[in-house]
């Protein structure tokens, strides 16, 4: 899988090993893995008796596994039809910069200088969220003297202190939950807090509190674009609090960047398409008012402020000859909107 530059390895009882290569799942060996082999692989990866006990109790476990000379992997072992299955994601040990990743350098560098507020990186699983954030943290690490605290499940990229000092905490080893870690983090004098994934109300509340106490908080959401992210954040809370939450978000939210990795037209690899939303005074007002349609319209026309919609990003990748038109269309939010953008036709907004 590593030799083929794949991102994920899939192992299951009585199935051939497969890997996700350039975003597509492919068979990488014709040899079927039998039940005994699968149990043996699972026990080997679990290693300690504590991990084996946790897996037996929960039927699902995630951890980092390092194989010298091969690489570092985020491993998830779960049960299906009564037997174990494994998905192992390759975590690159070298941290690449924004240019190498094909990300909007000026946009990311701008927010690496932020001192407070909330910065969100969104996208489906495997879209490069943690890789982008690792690049941000390393950029700060080399350029500024800060205290950075990361709270992850599990820790993926390992950082070495350069100009900054970086403390990395892992759920299940250093702390039990995200809210528990965030409860006392403000007493640890952080300048930047990275929360691996915000997936529940308690974590969302703690993240908001941390920003209100003066830290710059970076976190990820498994959402497809900025609009869905704002809706998800508000809907974490009961309806009677929605107006208050929108008011809070309008004051603390700095930006949302959403990522999707598109297969390259020529050769192996993928390139990111991205949507960027900066919280300008107009966006802030639209968030307070809950005007979702208005926010999307402003993103679509917000190039002057450094914003870019997915459809414009995808069309640019096609016109630059980097991706196939069909692939770009498949990754767009709306094929009709993409087709109009590709033709240079602007849709009338009421």
Protein backbone atom coordinates (compact mmCIF):
# COMPACT_ATOMS: atom_id res chain seq x y z
CA UNK A 1 0.00 0.00 0.00
CA UNK A 2 2.82 2.40 0.88
CA UNK A 3 4.73 1.52 -2.30
CA UNK A 4 1.65 2.43 -4.36
CA UNK A 5 1.25 5.70 -2.40
CA UNK A 6 -2.14 4.55 -1.11
CA UNK A 7 -3.93 6.32 1.73
CA UNK A 8 -5.84 3.40 3.32
CA UNK A 9 -5.45 -0.38 3.60
CA UNK A 10 -8.55 -2.60 3.98
CA UNK A 11 -8.32 -6.10 5.47
CA UNK A 12 -11.26 -8.42 6.09
CA UNK A 13 -11.77 -12.12 6.70
CA UNK A 14 -12.23 -14.16 3.50
CA UNK A 15 -11.50 -11.18 1.27
CA UNK A 16 -8.58 -9.94 -0.80
CA UNK A 17 -6.54 -7.04 0.65
CA UNK A 18 -7.48 -3.70 -0.92
CA UNK A 19 -6.15 -0.17 -0.73
CA UNK A 20 -7.43 3.29 -1.53
CA UNK A 21 -5.04 4.61 -4.17
CA UNK A 22 -5.64 8.10 -5.60
CA UNK A 23 -9.07 8.01 -3.98
CA UNK A 24 -10.18 4.72 -5.58
CA UNK A 25 -10.26 1.30 -3.87
CA UNK A 26 -8.16 -1.31 -5.67
CA UNK A 27 -7.23 -4.96 -5.03
CA UNK A 28 -3.50 -5.08 -4.13
CA UNK A 29 -3.15 -8.84 -3.63
CA UNK A 30 -5.09 -11.80 -5.01
CA UNK A 31 -4.42 -13.86 -1.87
CA UNK A 32 -7.54 -14.16 0.31
CA UNK A 33 -7.02 -13.54 4.03
CA UNK A 34 -8.57 -16.39 6.03
CA UNK A 35 -10.03 -16.19 9.54
CA UNK A 36 -6.94 -17.51 11.33
CA UNK A 37 -4.68 -15.04 9.54
CA UNK A 38 -7.04 -12.17 10.32
CA UNK A 39 -7.11 -13.03 14.03
CA UNK A 40 -3.31 -13.32 14.03
CA UNK A 41 -2.88 -9.90 12.34
CA UNK A 42 -5.39 -8.33 14.75
CA UNK A 43 -3.65 -9.72 17.86
CA UNK A 44 -0.25 -8.59 16.52
CA UNK A 45 -1.44 -5.02 15.91
CA UNK A 46 -3.28 -4.77 19.24
CA UNK A 47 -0.04 -5.66 21.00
CA UNK A 48 -0.75 -4.94 24.66
CA UNK A 49 -3.22 -6.80 26.86
CA UNK A 50 -4.92 -3.50 27.67
CA UNK A 51 -5.66 -2.85 23.97
CA UNK A 52 -6.93 -6.41 23.51
CA UNK A 53 -9.23 -5.98 26.50
CA UNK A 54 -10.57 -2.65 25.17
CA UNK A 55 -11.24 -4.17 21.76
CA UNK A 56 -13.00 -7.18 23.30
CA UNK A 57 -15.26 -4.87 25.32
CA UNK A 58 -15.99 -2.23 22.68
CA UNK A 59 -15.67 -4.22 19.42
CA UNK A 60 -14.04 -1.12 17.93
CA UNK A 61 -10.65 0.47 18.65
CA UNK A 62 -8.43 3.12 17.05
CA UNK A 63 -4.74 3.70 17.67
CA UNK A 64 -1.44 4.60 16.00
CA UNK A 65 0.87 1.82 14.86
CA UNK A 66 4.46 2.48 13.77
CA UNK A 67 6.37 0.01 11.62
CA UNK A 68 10.07 0.95 11.29
CA UNK A 69 11.25 1.48 7.71
CA UNK A 70 7.65 1.44 6.45
CA UNK A 71 5.65 4.15 8.17
CA UNK A 72 3.16 5.36 10.72
CA UNK A 73 -0.47 4.28 10.52
CA UNK A 74 -3.76 5.21 12.15
CA UNK A 75 -5.38 1.81 12.64
CA UNK A 76 -9.08 1.16 13.22
CA UNK A 77 -10.07 -2.42 14.09
CA UNK A 78 -13.76 -3.26 14.26
CA UNK A 79 -15.95 -6.33 14.04
CA UNK A 80 -18.24 -7.21 11.15
CA UNK A 81 -20.27 -10.42 10.91
CA UNK A 82 -18.55 -11.61 14.08
CA UNK A 83 -14.96 -11.31 12.87
CA UNK A 84 -12.38 -8.50 12.93
CA UNK A 85 -11.82 -6.07 10.06
CA UNK A 86 -9.04 -3.51 9.73
CA UNK A 87 -8.66 -0.13 8.08
CA UNK A 88 -5.16 1.36 8.34
CA UNK A 89 -4.48 4.91 7.15
CA UNK A 90 -0.93 5.91 6.26
CA UNK A 91 0.13 8.99 8.22
CA UNK A 92 2.98 10.83 6.53
CA UNK A 93 5.78 11.56 8.99
CA UNK A 94 7.09 14.54 7.01
CA UNK A 95 4.97 17.69 7.26
CA UNK A 96 4.58 19.46 3.92
CA UNK A 97 4.02 23.18 3.50
CA UNK A 98 0.99 24.86 1.95
CA UNK A 99 2.53 25.11 -1.52
CA UNK A 100 3.50 21.43 -1.58
CA UNK A 101 -0.05 20.48 -0.56
CA UNK A 102 -1.65 22.72 -3.21
CA UNK A 103 -3.45 24.79 -0.56
CA UNK A 104 -4.13 28.56 -0.72
CA UNK A 105 -0.93 29.80 0.93
CA UNK A 106 -1.99 33.41 1.53
CA UNK A 107 -5.27 32.30 3.15
CA UNK A 108 -3.61 29.85 5.56
CA UNK A 109 -0.69 32.14 6.42
CA UNK A 110 -3.15 34.91 7.30
CA UNK A 111 -4.84 32.73 9.92
CA UNK A 112 -1.58 31.34 11.28
CA UNK A 113 -1.12 34.88 12.65
CA UNK A 114 -4.49 34.93 14.45
CA UNK A 115 -4.45 35.24 18.24
CA UNK A 116 -8.06 34.39 19.09
CA UNK A 117 -11.26 32.98 17.63
CA UNK A 118 -12.32 29.76 15.90
CA UNK A 119 -10.88 28.36 12.65
CA UNK A 120 -12.56 25.34 11.05
CA UNK A 121 -11.22 22.82 8.54
CA UNK A 122 -13.97 20.66 7.07
CA UNK A 123 -14.44 17.80 4.65
CA UNK A 124 -15.30 14.11 4.45
CA UNK A 125 -12.96 11.46 5.88
CA UNK A 126 -9.69 11.31 3.95
CA UNK A 127 -9.94 14.80 2.47
CA UNK A 128 -6.68 16.09 3.98
CA UNK A 129 -8.02 17.98 7.00
CA UNK A 130 -5.40 16.83 9.52
CA UNK A 131 -2.64 17.22 6.93
CA UNK A 132 -3.65 20.85 6.33
CA UNK A 133 -3.78 21.57 10.07
CA UNK A 134 -0.39 19.91 10.61
CA UNK A 135 0.99 22.28 7.98
CA UNK A 136 -0.54 25.23 9.87
CA UNK A 137 0.93 24.11 13.19
CA UNK A 138 4.37 23.57 11.67
CA UNK A 139 4.22 26.98 9.98
CA UNK A 140 3.50 28.63 13.34
CA UNK A 141 6.18 26.44 14.95
CA UNK A 142 8.85 27.74 12.58
CA UNK A 143 7.73 31.37 12.45
CA UNK A 144 6.40 32.30 15.91
CA UNK A 145 7.03 31.70 19.61
CA UNK A 146 3.76 30.18 20.83
CA UNK A 147 2.44 27.50 23.18
CA UNK A 148 0.40 25.04 21.11
CA UNK A 149 -1.74 22.33 22.74
CA UNK A 150 -3.19 19.58 20.55
CA UNK A 151 -5.90 17.18 21.72
CA UNK A 152 -6.17 14.23 19.33
CA UNK A 153 -7.76 10.81 18.94
CA UNK A 154 -5.18 9.41 18.22
CA UNK A 155 -2.10 11.63 17.70
CA UNK A 156 -1.19 11.52 14.01
CA UNK A 157 1.64 13.93 13.14
CA UNK A 158 4.49 14.26 15.62
CA UNK A 159 5.96 17.74 16.07
CA UNK A 160 9.37 18.84 17.33
CA UNK A 161 9.66 22.13 19.20
CA UNK A 162 11.23 24.83 17.07
CA UNK A 163 10.34 28.43 17.91
CA UNK A 164 7.15 27.21 19.60
CA UNK A 165 6.53 24.65 22.33
CA UNK A 166 3.98 21.98 21.39
CA UNK A 167 2.21 19.67 23.85
CA UNK A 168 0.27 16.82 22.25
CA UNK A 169 -2.40 14.98 24.26
CA UNK A 170 -4.04 11.74 23.17
CA UNK A 171 -7.50 10.55 24.19
CA UNK A 172 -7.37 7.32 26.18
CA UNK A 173 -3.71 7.85 27.15
CA UNK A 174 -3.30 11.44 28.39
CA UNK A 175 -6.95 12.38 28.87
CA UNK A 176 -10.31 10.61 28.62
CA UNK A 177 -12.43 13.00 26.52
CA UNK A 178 -12.20 16.23 24.54
CA UNK A 179 -14.38 18.17 27.04
CA UNK A 180 -12.25 16.90 29.95
CA UNK A 181 -9.08 18.09 28.20
CA UNK A 182 -10.63 21.46 27.35
CA UNK A 183 -11.95 21.99 30.89
CA UNK A 184 -8.51 22.91 32.21
CA UNK A 185 -6.65 23.81 29.00
CA UNK A 186 -7.05 27.54 29.50
CA UNK A 187 -5.04 27.20 32.74
CA UNK A 188 -2.20 25.72 30.66
CA UNK A 189 -1.59 29.13 29.02
CA UNK A 190 -2.11 28.02 25.38
CA UNK A 191 -1.92 30.42 22.46
CA UNK A 192 -3.31 27.86 20.02
CA UNK A 193 -5.51 24.82 20.76
CA UNK A 194 -6.06 22.12 18.15
CA UNK A 195 -9.06 19.84 18.78
CA UNK A 196 -8.83 16.74 16.58
CA UNK A 197 -12.55 16.49 15.85
CA UNK A 198 -15.62 18.30 17.16
CA UNK A 199 -18.41 15.74 17.10
CA UNK A 200 -20.70 16.46 20.06
CA UNK A 201 -22.35 19.23 22.06
CA UNK A 202 -19.96 19.12 25.04
CA UNK A 203 -16.88 19.49 22.82
CA UNK A 204 -18.53 22.32 20.89
CA UNK A 205 -19.37 24.17 24.13
CA UNK A 206 -15.82 23.73 25.43
CA UNK A 207 -14.32 24.96 22.13
CA UNK A 208 -16.50 28.09 22.21
CA UNK A 209 -15.54 28.75 25.85
CA UNK A 210 -11.83 28.39 25.00
CA UNK A 211 -12.11 31.02 22.25
CA UNK A 212 -14.02 33.37 24.55
CA UNK A 213 -11.19 33.08 27.10
CA UNK A 214 -8.68 34.27 24.51
CA UNK A 215 -7.21 31.24 22.69
CA UNK A 216 -7.11 30.61 18.94
CA UNK A 217 -8.91 27.28 18.44
CA UNK A 218 -8.51 25.11 15.35
CA UNK A 219 -10.76 22.09 14.87
CA UNK A 220 -12.25 19.84 12.18
CA UNK A 221 -15.75 18.87 11.15
CA UNK A 222 -16.90 15.98 8.95
CA UNK A 223 -19.05 18.29 6.84
CA UNK A 224 -18.96 18.94 3.10
CA UNK A 225 -18.93 22.76 2.97
CA UNK A 226 -19.08 25.96 5.04
CA UNK A 227 -22.88 26.17 5.01
CA UNK A 228 -23.37 22.63 6.30
CA UNK A 229 -20.73 23.32 8.96
CA UNK A 230 -22.55 26.37 10.34
CA UNK A 231 -25.88 24.49 10.31
CA UNK A 232 -24.26 21.52 12.12
CA UNK A 233 -22.71 23.74 14.77
CA UNK A 234 -25.99 25.49 15.52
CA UNK A 235 -27.93 22.22 15.54
CA UNK A 236 -25.66 20.77 18.24
CA UNK A 237 -27.69 22.98 20.57
CA UNK A 238 -31.42 22.81 21.44
CA UNK A 239 -33.66 25.07 19.30
CA UNK A 240 -34.27 27.64 22.07
CA UNK A 241 -30.51 28.40 22.08
CA UNK A 242 -30.05 28.73 18.31
CA UNK A 243 -30.29 32.52 18.24
CA UNK A 244 -27.75 32.83 21.08
CA UNK A 245 -25.37 30.35 19.40
CA UNK A 246 -25.57 32.17 16.06
CA UNK A 247 -24.69 35.39 17.92
CA UNK A 248 -21.66 33.68 19.54
CA UNK A 249 -20.49 32.21 16.23
CA UNK A 250 -20.82 35.56 14.47
CA UNK A 251 -18.35 36.99 17.00
CA UNK A 252 -15.80 34.16 17.38
CA UNK A 253 -15.74 32.38 14.00
CA UNK A 254 -12.82 33.55 11.84
CA UNK A 255 -12.97 31.31 8.78
CA UNK A 256 -14.05 27.95 7.38
CA UNK A 257 -12.03 26.05 4.77
CA UNK A 258 -13.53 22.91 3.23
CA UNK A 259 -11.42 20.36 1.36
CA UNK A 260 -11.96 17.62 -1.22
CA UNK A 261 -9.18 15.61 -2.86
CA UNK A 262 -9.64 15.13 -6.64
CA UNK A 263 -7.67 12.52 -8.70
CA UNK A 264 -5.07 14.11 -10.94
CA UNK A 265 -5.63 13.95 -14.69
CA UNK A 266 -2.07 12.92 -15.48
CA UNK A 267 -0.13 10.46 -13.34
CA UNK A 268 -0.73 9.35 -9.78
CA UNK A 269 -1.90 11.48 -6.89
CA UNK A 270 -4.67 13.88 -5.98
CA UNK A 271 -5.05 17.64 -5.76
CA UNK A 272 -7.23 19.57 -3.30
CA UNK A 273 -10.30 21.53 -4.33
CA UNK A 274 -11.24 23.96 -1.61
CA UNK A 275 -13.94 26.37 -0.49
CA UNK A 276 -12.82 29.27 1.68
CA UNK A 277 -15.14 31.44 3.75
CA UNK A 278 -13.83 34.41 5.73
CA UNK A 279 -16.10 35.88 8.37
CA UNK A 280 -16.37 39.46 7.12
CA UNK A 281 -18.83 41.91 8.74
CA UNK A 282 -21.41 40.88 6.13
CA UNK A 283 -20.91 37.12 6.76
CA UNK A 284 -21.09 37.82 10.51
CA UNK A 285 -24.44 39.55 10.07
CA UNK A 286 -25.78 36.74 7.87
CA UNK A 287 -24.76 34.15 10.50
CA UNK A 288 -26.62 36.11 13.20
CA UNK A 289 -29.70 36.29 10.98
CA UNK A 290 -29.47 32.60 10.00
CA UNK A 291 -29.47 33.57 6.30
CA UNK A 292 -27.85 30.42 4.90
CA UNK A 293 -28.68 31.20 1.27
CA UNK A 294 -27.20 34.67 1.67
CA UNK A 295 -23.95 33.24 3.07
CA UNK A 296 -23.51 30.92 0.08
CA UNK A 297 -24.20 33.77 -2.36
CA UNK A 298 -21.58 35.90 -0.61
CA UNK A 299 -19.01 33.06 -0.76
CA UNK A 300 -19.73 32.67 -4.50
CA UNK A 301 -19.01 36.36 -5.12
CA UNK A 302 -16.44 36.96 -2.39
CA UNK A 303 -13.18 36.70 -4.35
CA UNK A 304 -12.36 40.32 -3.46
CA UNK A 305 -12.21 39.23 0.21
CA UNK A 306 -10.21 36.06 -0.48
CA UNK A 307 -13.16 33.67 -0.63
CA UNK A 308 -13.69 30.90 -3.15
CA UNK A 309 -16.57 28.50 -3.74
CA UNK A 310 -16.08 24.81 -4.53
CA UNK A 311 -17.48 25.18 -8.01
CA UNK A 312 -14.94 27.91 -8.86
CA UNK A 313 -12.11 25.85 -7.39
CA UNK A 314 -13.16 22.79 -9.43
CA UNK A 315 -13.55 24.78 -12.65
CA UNK A 316 -10.08 26.28 -12.15
CA UNK A 317 -8.58 22.79 -11.71
CA UNK A 318 -10.26 21.68 -14.96
CA UNK A 319 -9.14 24.77 -16.92
CA UNK A 320 -5.59 24.38 -15.57
CA UNK A 321 -5.59 20.85 -17.00
CA UNK A 322 -5.06 19.20 -13.60
CA UNK A 323 -8.25 17.13 -13.33
CA UNK A 324 -10.80 15.58 -15.68
CA UNK A 325 -14.06 17.46 -16.13
CA UNK A 326 -16.08 14.35 -15.19
CA UNK A 327 -14.13 13.91 -11.94
CA UNK A 328 -14.64 17.56 -11.03
CA UNK A 329 -18.35 17.31 -11.76
CA UNK A 330 -18.61 14.21 -9.56
CA UNK A 331 -17.07 16.09 -6.60
CA UNK A 332 -19.19 19.23 -7.02
CA UNK A 333 -22.15 20.07 -4.79
CA UNK A 334 -24.35 20.49 -7.87
CA UNK A 335 -23.52 19.28 -11.38
CA UNK A 336 -25.84 21.97 -12.82
CA UNK A 337 -24.06 24.75 -10.93
CA UNK A 338 -20.69 23.33 -11.97
CA UNK A 339 -21.74 23.17 -15.65
CA UNK A 340 -22.90 26.80 -15.57
CA UNK A 341 -19.66 27.93 -13.92
CA UNK A 342 -17.62 25.98 -16.49
CA UNK A 343 -19.48 27.80 -19.27
CA UNK A 344 -19.07 31.15 -17.53
CA UNK A 345 -22.81 31.56 -16.99
CA UNK A 346 -23.90 33.32 -13.79
CA UNK A 347 -27.14 32.13 -12.20
CA UNK A 348 -29.50 34.91 -11.09
CA UNK A 349 -29.78 35.08 -7.28
CA UNK A 350 -33.12 36.27 -5.88
